[in-house]
Structure formats: C-alpha cells, structure tokens
Amino acid sequence: VATITGMLSGEPAKSYTIQEPGAPPAAEGEEGIAG
C-alpha cells in the first residue's frame, strides 16, 4: 500500500493493482504503474 500515492477516489469498492518485481510489462495501451 505504501507504494501507492495520490488522493483516494471516494469509491470504497475501487481496487488498485500493484505489479510485483520482475512482472512482465503492461500490454500496449495499459498503464503498468502502481495504483
């Protein structure tokens, strides 16, 4: 959780994706950043 920055969305059901070290890069058109 400590790797995610920025304000909360205000949507309790929202989820954030944290990529594990060494994970394959995001596919074209996807943003492979924490949060």
Full PDB file with SEQRES, HELIX, SHEET, SSBOND, CRYST1, ORIGX, SCALE, CONECT and MASTER records, all heavy atoms in Angstrom:
SEQRES   1 A   35  VAL ALA THR ILE THR GLY MET LEU SER GLY GLU PRO ALA          
SEQRES   2 A   35  LYS SER TYR THR ILE GLN GLU PRO GLY ALA PRO PRO ALA          
SEQRES   3 A   35  ALA GLU GLY GLU GLU GLY ILE ALA GLY                          
CRYST1    1.000    1.000    1.000  90.00  90.00  90.00 P 1           1          
ORIGX1      1.000000  0.000000  0.000000        0.00000                         
ORIGX2      0.000000  1.000000  0.000000        0.00000                         
ORIGX3      0.000000  0.000000  1.000000        0.00000                         
SCALE1      1.000000  0.000000  0.000000        0.00000                         
SCALE2      0.000000  1.000000  0.000000        0.00000                         
SCALE3      0.000000  0.000000  1.000000        0.00000                         
ATOM      1  N   VAL A   1       0.834  -1.204   0.000  1.00  0.00           N  
ATOM      2  CA  VAL A   1       0.000   0.000   0.000  1.00  0.00           C  
ATOM      3  C   VAL A   1       0.869   1.256   0.000  1.00  0.00           C  
ATOM      4  O   VAL A   1       0.523   2.271  -0.616  1.00  0.00           O  
ATOM      5  CB  VAL A   1      -0.939   0.008   1.217  1.00  0.00           C  
ATOM      6  CG1 VAL A   1      -1.754   1.289   1.251  1.00  0.00           C  
ATOM      7  CG2 VAL A   1      -1.872  -1.187   1.187  1.00  0.00           C  
ATOM      8  N   ALA A   2       2.015   1.182   0.656  1.00  0.00           N  
ATOM      9  CA  ALA A   2       2.898   2.340   0.766  1.00  0.00           C  
ATOM     10  C   ALA A   2       3.414   2.821  -0.583  1.00  0.00           C  
ATOM     11  O   ALA A   2       3.878   3.963  -0.701  1.00  0.00           O  
ATOM     12  CB  ALA A   2       4.074   2.013   1.687  1.00  0.00           C  
ATOM     13  N   THR A   3       3.341   1.982  -1.614  1.00  0.00           N  
ATOM     14  CA  THR A   3       3.838   2.380  -2.936  1.00  0.00           C  
ATOM     15  C   THR A   3       2.808   3.176  -3.731  1.00  0.00           C  
ATOM     16  O   THR A   3       3.142   3.740  -4.774  1.00  0.00           O  
ATOM     17  CB  THR A   3       4.233   1.137  -3.761  1.00  0.00           C  
ATOM     18  OG1 THR A   3       3.070   0.353  -4.048  1.00  0.00           O  
ATOM     19  CG2 THR A   3       5.247   0.282  -3.002  1.00  0.00           C  
ATOM     20  N   ILE A   4       1.577   3.235  -3.257  1.00  0.00           N  
ATOM     21  CA  ILE A   4       0.520   3.950  -3.967  1.00  0.00           C  
ATOM     22  C   ILE A   4       0.443   5.383  -3.461  1.00  0.00           C  
ATOM     23  O   ILE A   4       0.429   5.622  -2.256  1.00  0.00           O  
ATOM     24  CB  ILE A   4      -0.841   3.259  -3.777  1.00  0.00           C  
ATOM     25  CG1 ILE A   4      -0.755   1.779  -4.121  1.00  0.00           C  
ATOM     26  CG2 ILE A   4      -1.908   3.939  -4.629  1.00  0.00           C  
ATOM     27  CD1 ILE A   4      -2.035   1.006  -3.861  1.00  0.00           C  
ATOM     28  N   THR A   5       0.379   6.321  -4.367  1.00  0.00           N  
ATOM     29  CA  THR A   5       0.320   7.731  -3.989  1.00  0.00           C  
ATOM     30  C   THR A   5      -0.921   8.381  -4.591  1.00  0.00           C  
ATOM     31  O   THR A   5      -1.612   7.790  -5.414  1.00  0.00           O  
ATOM     32  CB  THR A   5       1.568   8.475  -4.465  1.00  0.00           C  
ATOM     33  OG1 THR A   5       1.680   8.354  -5.899  1.00  0.00           O  
ATOM     34  CG2 THR A   5       2.832   7.907  -3.822  1.00  0.00           C  
ATOM     35  N   GLY A   6      -1.189   9.602  -4.184  1.00  0.00           N  
ATOM     36  CA  GLY A   6      -2.325  10.339  -4.715  1.00  0.00           C  
ATOM     37  C   GLY A   6      -3.550  10.240  -3.825  1.00  0.00           C  
ATOM     38  O   GLY A   6      -3.604   9.460  -2.869  1.00  0.00           O  
ATOM     39  N   MET A   7      -4.568  11.046  -4.137  1.00  0.00           N  
ATOM     40  CA  MET A   7      -5.786  11.078  -3.353  1.00  0.00           C  
ATOM     41  C   MET A   7      -6.595   9.801  -3.540  1.00  0.00           C  
ATOM     42  O   MET A   7      -6.456   9.089  -4.535  1.00  0.00           O  
ATOM     43  CB  MET A   7      -6.653  12.279  -3.767  1.00  0.00           C  
ATOM     44  CG  MET A   7      -6.106  13.629  -3.370  1.00  0.00           C  
ATOM     45  SD  MET A   7      -7.209  14.979  -3.895  1.00  0.00           S  
ATOM     46  CE  MET A   7      -8.682  14.622  -2.923  1.00  0.00           C  
ATOM     47  N   LEU A   8      -7.445   9.535  -2.570  1.00  0.00           N  
ATOM     48  CA  LEU A   8      -8.394   8.439  -2.681  1.00  0.00           C  
ATOM     49  C   LEU A   8      -9.493   8.830  -3.675  1.00  0.00           C  
ATOM     50  O   LEU A   8      -9.789  10.010  -3.874  1.00  0.00           O  
ATOM     51  CB  LEU A   8      -9.001   8.129  -1.322  1.00  0.00           C  
ATOM     52  CG  LEU A   8      -8.026   7.602  -0.261  1.00  0.00           C  
ATOM     53  CD1 LEU A   8      -8.689   7.604   1.112  1.00  0.00           C  
ATOM     54  CD2 LEU A   8      -7.551   6.207  -0.622  1.00  0.00           C  
ATOM     55  N   SER A   9     -10.117   7.819  -4.269  1.00  0.00           N  
ATOM     56  CA  SER A   9     -11.136   8.091  -5.284  1.00  0.00           C  
ATOM     57  C   SER A   9     -12.483   8.455  -4.684  1.00  0.00           C  
ATOM     58  O   SER A   9     -13.281   9.156  -5.314  1.00  0.00           O  
ATOM     59  CB  SER A   9     -11.302   6.858  -6.180  1.00  0.00           C  
ATOM     60  OG  SER A   9     -11.916   5.791  -5.464  1.00  0.00           O  
ATOM     61  N   GLY A  10     -12.779   7.950  -3.472  1.00  0.00           N  
ATOM     62  CA  GLY A  10     -14.096   8.136  -2.892  1.00  0.00           C  
ATOM     63  C   GLY A  10     -15.019   6.983  -3.195  1.00  0.00           C  
ATOM     64  O   GLY A  10     -16.201   7.003  -2.831  1.00  0.00           O  
ATOM     65  N   GLU A  11     -14.498   5.945  -3.858  1.00  0.00           N  
ATOM     66  CA  GLU A  11     -15.274   4.743  -4.193  1.00  0.00           C  
ATOM     67  C   GLU A  11     -14.726   3.571  -3.373  1.00  0.00           C  
ATOM     68  O   GLU A  11     -13.681   3.008  -3.708  1.00  0.00           O  
ATOM     69  CB  GLU A  11     -15.156   4.437  -5.673  1.00  0.00           C  
ATOM     70  CG  GLU A  11     -15.641   5.569  -6.586  1.00  0.00           C  
ATOM     71  CD  GLU A  11     -15.359   5.295  -8.047  1.00  0.00           C  
ATOM     72  OE1 GLU A  11     -14.964   4.157  -8.374  1.00  0.00           O  
ATOM     73  OE2 GLU A  11     -15.510   6.229  -8.862  1.00  0.00           O  
ATOM     74  N   PRO A  12     -15.410   3.184  -2.297  1.00  0.00           N  
ATOM     75  CA  PRO A  12     -14.907   2.109  -1.424  1.00  0.00           C  
ATOM     76  C   PRO A  12     -14.637   0.794  -2.142  1.00  0.00           C  
ATOM     77  O   PRO A  12     -13.788   0.016  -1.708  1.00  0.00           O  
ATOM     78  CB  PRO A  12     -16.033   1.950  -0.393  1.00  0.00           C  
ATOM     79  CG  PRO A  12     -16.709   3.276  -0.374  1.00  0.00           C  
ATOM     80  CD  PRO A  12     -16.659   3.775  -1.785  1.00  0.00           C  
ATOM     81  N   ALA A  13     -15.332   0.529  -3.245  1.00  0.00           N  
ATOM     82  CA  ALA A  13     -15.160  -0.741  -3.956  1.00  0.00           C  
ATOM     83  C   ALA A  13     -13.990  -0.720  -4.937  1.00  0.00           C  
ATOM     84  O   ALA A  13     -13.655  -1.755  -5.517  1.00  0.00           O  
ATOM     85  CB  ALA A  13     -16.444  -1.099  -4.708  1.00  0.00           C  
ATOM     86  N   LYS A  14     -13.364   0.415  -5.111  1.00  0.00           N  
ATOM     87  CA  LYS A  14     -12.259   0.525  -6.069  1.00  0.00           C  
ATOM     88  C   LYS A  14     -11.069  -0.309  -5.617  1.00  0.00           C  
ATOM     89  O   LYS A  14     -10.806  -0.447  -4.422  1.00  0.00           O  
ATOM     90  CB  LYS A  14     -11.826   1.988  -6.209  1.00  0.00           C  
ATOM     91  CG  LYS A  14     -10.657   2.213  -7.175  1.00  0.00           C  
ATOM     92  CD  LYS A  14     -10.289   3.680  -7.247  1.00  0.00           C  
ATOM     93  CE  LYS A  14      -9.040   3.910  -8.083  1.00  0.00           C  
ATOM     94  NZ  LYS A  14      -9.222   3.517  -9.495  1.00  0.00           N  
ATOM     95  N   SER A  15     -10.338  -0.865  -6.581  1.00  0.00           N  
ATOM     96  CA  SER A  15      -9.116  -1.612  -6.280  1.00  0.00           C  
ATOM     97  C   SER A  15      -7.963  -1.057  -7.096  1.00  0.00           C  
ATOM     98  O   SER A  15      -8.162  -0.470  -8.165  1.00  0.00           O  
ATOM     99  CB  SER A  15      -9.300  -3.105  -6.564  1.00  0.00           C  
ATOM    100  OG  SER A  15      -9.537  -3.321  -7.950  1.00  0.00           O  
ATOM    101  N   TYR A  16      -6.772  -1.242  -6.581  1.00  0.00           N  
ATOM    102  CA  TYR A  16      -5.538  -0.783  -7.227  1.00  0.00           C  
ATOM    103  C   TYR A  16      -4.656  -1.999  -7.477  1.00  0.00           C  
ATOM    104  O   TYR A  16      -4.633  -2.925  -6.673  1.00  0.00           O  
ATOM    105  CB  TYR A  16      -4.802   0.210  -6.328  1.00  0.00           C  
ATOM    106  CG  TYR A  16      -5.607   1.433  -5.958  1.00  0.00           C  
ATOM    107  CD1 TYR A  16      -6.576   1.374  -4.955  1.00  0.00           C  
ATOM    108  CD2 TYR A  16      -5.404   2.646  -6.598  1.00  0.00           C  
ATOM    109  CE1 TYR A  16      -7.325   2.481  -4.610  1.00  0.00           C  
ATOM    110  CE2 TYR A  16      -6.147   3.773  -6.256  1.00  0.00           C  
ATOM    111  CZ  TYR A  16      -7.107   3.681  -5.263  1.00  0.00           C  
ATOM    112  OH  TYR A  16      -7.845   4.798  -4.921  1.00  0.00           O  
ATOM    113  N   THR A  17      -3.931  -1.979  -8.579  1.00  0.00           N  
ATOM    114  CA  THR A  17      -3.069  -3.099  -8.930  1.00  0.00           C  
ATOM    115  C   THR A  17      -1.611  -2.747  -8.683  1.00  0.00           C  
ATOM    116  O   THR A  17      -1.123  -1.725  -9.165  1.00  0.00           O  
ATOM    117  CB  THR A  17      -3.240  -3.501 -10.412  1.00  0.00           C  
ATOM    118  OG1 THR A  17      -4.608  -3.852 -10.636  1.00  0.00           O  
ATOM    119  CG2 THR A  17      -2.355  -4.689 -10.754  1.00  0.00           C  
ATOM    120  N   ILE A  18      -0.941  -3.580  -7.902  1.00  0.00           N  
ATOM    121  CA  ILE A  18       0.475  -3.403  -7.618  1.00  0.00           C  
ATOM    122  C   ILE A  18       1.247  -4.479  -8.377  1.00  0.00           C  
ATOM    123  O   ILE A  18       1.053  -5.674  -8.131  1.00  0.00           O  
ATOM    124  CB  ILE A  18       0.778  -3.530  -6.113  1.00  0.00           C  
ATOM    125  CG1 ILE A  18      -0.081  -2.544  -5.325  1.00  0.00           C  
ATOM    126  CG2 ILE A  18       2.263  -3.298  -5.838  1.00  0.00           C  
ATOM    127  CD1 ILE A  18       0.193  -1.098  -5.641  1.00  0.00           C  
ATOM    128  N   GLN A  19       2.102  -4.077  -9.302  1.00  0.00           N  
ATOM    129  CA  GLN A  19       2.900  -5.046 -10.041  1.00  0.00           C  
ATOM    130  C   GLN A  19       4.022  -5.577  -9.168  1.00  0.00           C  
ATOM    131  O   GLN A  19       4.702  -4.820  -8.470  1.00  0.00           O  
ATOM    132  CB  GLN A  19       3.487  -4.406 -11.302  1.00  0.00           C  
ATOM    133  CG  GLN A  19       2.464  -4.135 -12.390  1.00  0.00           C  
ATOM    134  CD  GLN A  19       3.138  -3.857 -13.713  1.00  0.00           C  
ATOM    135  OE1 GLN A  19       3.976  -4.626 -14.167  1.00  0.00           O  
ATOM    136  NE2 GLN A  19       2.764  -2.750 -14.323  1.00  0.00           N  
ATOM    137  N   GLU A  20       4.209  -6.873  -9.208  1.00  0.00           N  
ATOM    138  CA  GLU A  20       5.288  -7.494  -8.463  1.00  0.00           C  
ATOM    139  C   GLU A  20       6.612  -7.257  -9.185  1.00  0.00           C  
ATOM    140  O   GLU A  20       6.645  -7.118 -10.409  1.00  0.00           O  
ATOM    141  CB  GLU A  20       5.044  -9.008  -8.336  1.00  0.00           C  
ATOM    142  CG  GLU A  20       3.749  -9.363  -7.622  1.00  0.00           C  
ATOM    143  CD  GLU A  20       3.748  -8.935  -6.169  1.00  0.00           C  
ATOM    144  OE1 GLU A  20       4.849  -8.743  -5.610  1.00  0.00           O  
ATOM    145  OE2 GLU A  20       2.665  -8.795  -5.590  1.00  0.00           O  
ATOM    146  N   PRO A  21       7.733  -7.210  -8.436  1.00  0.00           N  
ATOM    147  CA  PRO A  21       9.055  -7.054  -9.070  1.00  0.00           C  
ATOM    148  C   PRO A  21       9.296  -8.170 -10.087  1.00  0.00           C  
ATOM    149  O   PRO A  21       9.041  -9.343  -9.812  1.00  0.00           O  
ATOM    150  CB  PRO A  21      10.024  -7.154  -7.890  1.00  0.00           C  
ATOM    151  CG  PRO A  21       9.223  -6.741  -6.705  1.00  0.00           C  
ATOM    152  CD  PRO A  21       7.827  -7.242  -6.964  1.00  0.00           C  
ATOM    153  N   GLY A  22       9.734  -7.786 -11.281  1.00  0.00           N  
ATOM    154  CA  GLY A  22      10.022  -8.767 -12.313  1.00  0.00           C  
ATOM    155  C   GLY A  22       8.812  -9.185 -13.127  1.00  0.00           C  
ATOM    156  O   GLY A  22       8.913 -10.066 -13.986  1.00  0.00           O  
ATOM    157  N   ALA A  23       7.662  -8.537 -12.866  1.00  0.00           N  
ATOM    158  CA  ALA A  23       6.459  -8.879 -13.620  1.00  0.00           C  
ATOM    159  C   ALA A  23       6.607  -8.414 -15.056  1.00  0.00           C  
ATOM    160  O   ALA A  23       7.320  -7.441 -15.342  1.00  0.00           O  
ATOM    161  CB  ALA A  23       5.238  -8.223 -12.987  1.00  0.00           C  
ATOM    162  N   PRO A  24       5.974  -9.086 -16.024  1.00  0.00           N  
ATOM    163  CA  PRO A  24       6.069  -8.671 -17.418  1.00  0.00           C  
ATOM    164  C   PRO A  24       5.484  -7.289 -17.606  1.00  0.00           C  
ATOM    165  O   PRO A  24       4.579  -6.880 -16.859  1.00  0.00           O  
ATOM    166  CB  PRO A  24       5.240  -9.731 -18.148  1.00  0.00           C  
ATOM    167  CG  PRO A  24       4.307 -10.272 -17.117  1.00  0.00           C  
ATOM    168  CD  PRO A  24       5.106 -10.253 -15.845  1.00  0.00           C  
ATOM    169  N   PRO A  25       5.980  -6.528 -18.558  1.00  0.00           N  
ATOM    170  CA  PRO A  25       5.480  -5.169 -18.775  1.00  0.00           C  
ATOM    171  C   PRO A  25       4.011  -5.187 -19.187  1.00  0.00           C  
ATOM    172  O   PRO A  25       3.506  -6.174 -19.717  1.00  0.00           O  
ATOM    173  CB  PRO A  25       6.367  -4.647 -19.909  1.00  0.00           C  
ATOM    174  CG  PRO A  25       6.834  -5.885 -20.614  1.00  0.00           C  
ATOM    175  CD  PRO A  25       6.994  -6.910 -19.532  1.00  0.00           C  
ATOM    176  N   ALA A  26       3.336  -4.085 -18.930  1.00  0.00           N  
ATOM    177  CA  ALA A  26       1.929  -3.987 -19.287  1.00  0.00           C  
ATOM    178  C   ALA A  26       1.769  -4.037 -20.794  1.00  0.00           C  
ATOM    179  O   ALA A  26       2.642  -3.611 -21.557  1.00  0.00           O  
ATOM    180  CB  ALA A  26       1.345  -2.671 -18.744  1.00  0.00           C  
ATOM    181  N   ALA A  27       0.635  -4.582 -21.234  1.00  0.00           N  
ATOM    182  CA  ALA A  27       0.370  -4.656 -22.664  1.00  0.00           C  
ATOM    183  C   ALA A  27       0.161  -3.263 -23.226  1.00  0.00           C  
ATOM    184  O   ALA A  27      -0.096  -2.301 -22.489  1.00  0.00           O  
ATOM    185  CB  ALA A  27      -0.871  -5.516 -22.891  1.00  0.00           C  
ATOM    186  N   GLU A  28       0.270  -3.142 -24.544  1.00  0.00           N  
ATOM    187  CA  GLU A  28       0.130  -1.843 -25.186  1.00  0.00           C  
ATOM    188  C   GLU A  28      -1.237  -1.250 -24.849  1.00  0.00           C  
ATOM    189  O   GLU A  28      -2.269  -1.914 -24.932  1.00  0.00           O  
ATOM    190  CB  GLU A  28       0.255  -1.992 -26.701  1.00  0.00           C  
ATOM    191  CG  GLU A  28       0.223  -0.651 -27.432  1.00  0.00           C  
ATOM    192  CD  GLU A  28       0.454  -0.815 -28.924  1.00  0.00           C  
ATOM    193  OE1 GLU A  28       0.741  -1.935 -29.358  1.00  0.00           O  
ATOM    194  OE2 GLU A  28       0.336   0.185 -29.631  1.00  0.00           O  
ATOM    195  N   GLY A  29      -1.231   0.000 -24.460  1.00  0.00           N  
ATOM    196  CA  GLY A  29      -2.473   0.663 -24.090  1.00  0.00           C  
ATOM    197  C   GLY A  29      -2.787   0.568 -22.614  1.00  0.00           C  
ATOM    198  O   GLY A  29      -3.736   1.185 -22.148  1.00  0.00           O  
ATOM    199  N   GLU A  30      -2.000  -0.217 -21.856  1.00  0.00           N  
ATOM    200  CA  GLU A  30      -2.209  -0.329 -20.419  1.00  0.00           C  
ATOM    201  C   GLU A  30      -1.125   0.442 -19.688  1.00  0.00           C  
ATOM    202  O   GLU A  30      -0.003   0.554 -20.159  1.00  0.00           O  
ATOM    203  CB  GLU A  30      -2.174  -1.796 -19.966  1.00  0.00           C  
ATOM    204  CG  GLU A  30      -3.316  -2.638 -20.531  1.00  0.00           C  
ATOM    205  CD  GLU A  30      -3.237  -4.060 -20.005  1.00  0.00           C  
ATOM    206  OE1 GLU A  30      -2.114  -4.516 -19.726  1.00  0.00           O  
ATOM    207  OE2 GLU A  30      -4.291  -4.708 -19.900  1.00  0.00           O  
ATOM    208  N   GLU A  31      -1.478   0.938 -18.516  1.00  0.00           N  
ATOM    209  CA  GLU A  31      -0.513   1.676 -17.710  1.00  0.00           C  
ATOM    210  C   GLU A  31      -0.012   0.759 -16.614  1.00  0.00           C  
ATOM    211  O   GLU A  31      -0.756   0.393 -15.717  1.00  0.00           O  
ATOM    212  CB  GLU A  31      -1.149   2.919 -17.099  1.00  0.00           C  
ATOM    213  CG  GLU A  31      -1.561   3.939 -18.156  1.00  0.00           C  
ATOM    214  CD  GLU A  31      -2.095   5.193 -17.494  1.00  0.00           C  
ATOM    215  OE1 GLU A  31      -1.534   5.602 -16.462  1.00  0.00           O  
ATOM    216  OE2 GLU A  31      -3.059   5.749 -18.005  1.00  0.00           O  
ATOM    217  N   GLY A  32       1.257   0.402 -16.656  1.00  0.00           N  
ATOM    218  CA  GLY A  32       1.811  -0.522 -15.674  1.00  0.00           C  
ATOM    219  C   GLY A  32       2.434   0.173 -14.500  1.00  0.00           C  
ATOM    220  O   GLY A  32       3.606  -0.023 -14.213  1.00  0.00           O  
ATOM    221  N   ILE A  33       1.689   1.044 -13.829  1.00  0.00           N  
ATOM    222  CA  ILE A  33       2.216   1.752 -12.678  1.00  0.00           C  
ATOM    223  C   ILE A  33       1.378   1.425 -11.467  1.00  0.00           C  
ATOM    224  O   ILE A  33       0.203   1.076 -11.573  1.00  0.00           O  
ATOM    225  CB  ILE A  33       2.246   3.288 -12.900  1.00  0.00           C  
ATOM    226  CG1 ILE A  33       0.813   3.801 -13.160  1.00  0.00           C  
ATOM    227  CG2 ILE A  33       3.146   3.644 -14.053  1.00  0.00           C  
ATOM    228  CD1 ILE A  33       0.727   5.307 -13.264  1.00  0.00           C  
ATOM    229  N   ALA A  34       2.001   1.515 -10.294  1.00  0.00           N  
ATOM    230  CA  ALA A  34       1.285   1.227  -9.049  1.00  0.00           C  
ATOM    231  C   ALA A  34       0.110   2.165  -8.900  1.00  0.00           C  
ATOM    232  O   ALA A  34       0.224   3.363  -9.102  1.00  0.00           O  
ATOM    233  CB  ALA A  34       2.232   1.381  -7.861  1.00  0.00           C  
ATOM    234  N   GLY A  35      -1.026   1.562  -8.539  1.00  0.00           N  
ATOM    235  CA  GLY A  35      -2.186   2.390  -8.264  1.00  0.00           C  
ATOM    236  C   GLY A  35      -3.134   2.527  -9.423  1.00  0.00           C  
ATOM    237  O   GLY A  35      -4.114   3.250  -9.338  1.00  0.00           O  
TER     238      GLY A  35                                                      
MASTER        0    0    0    0    0    0    0    6  237    1    0    3          
END                                                                             
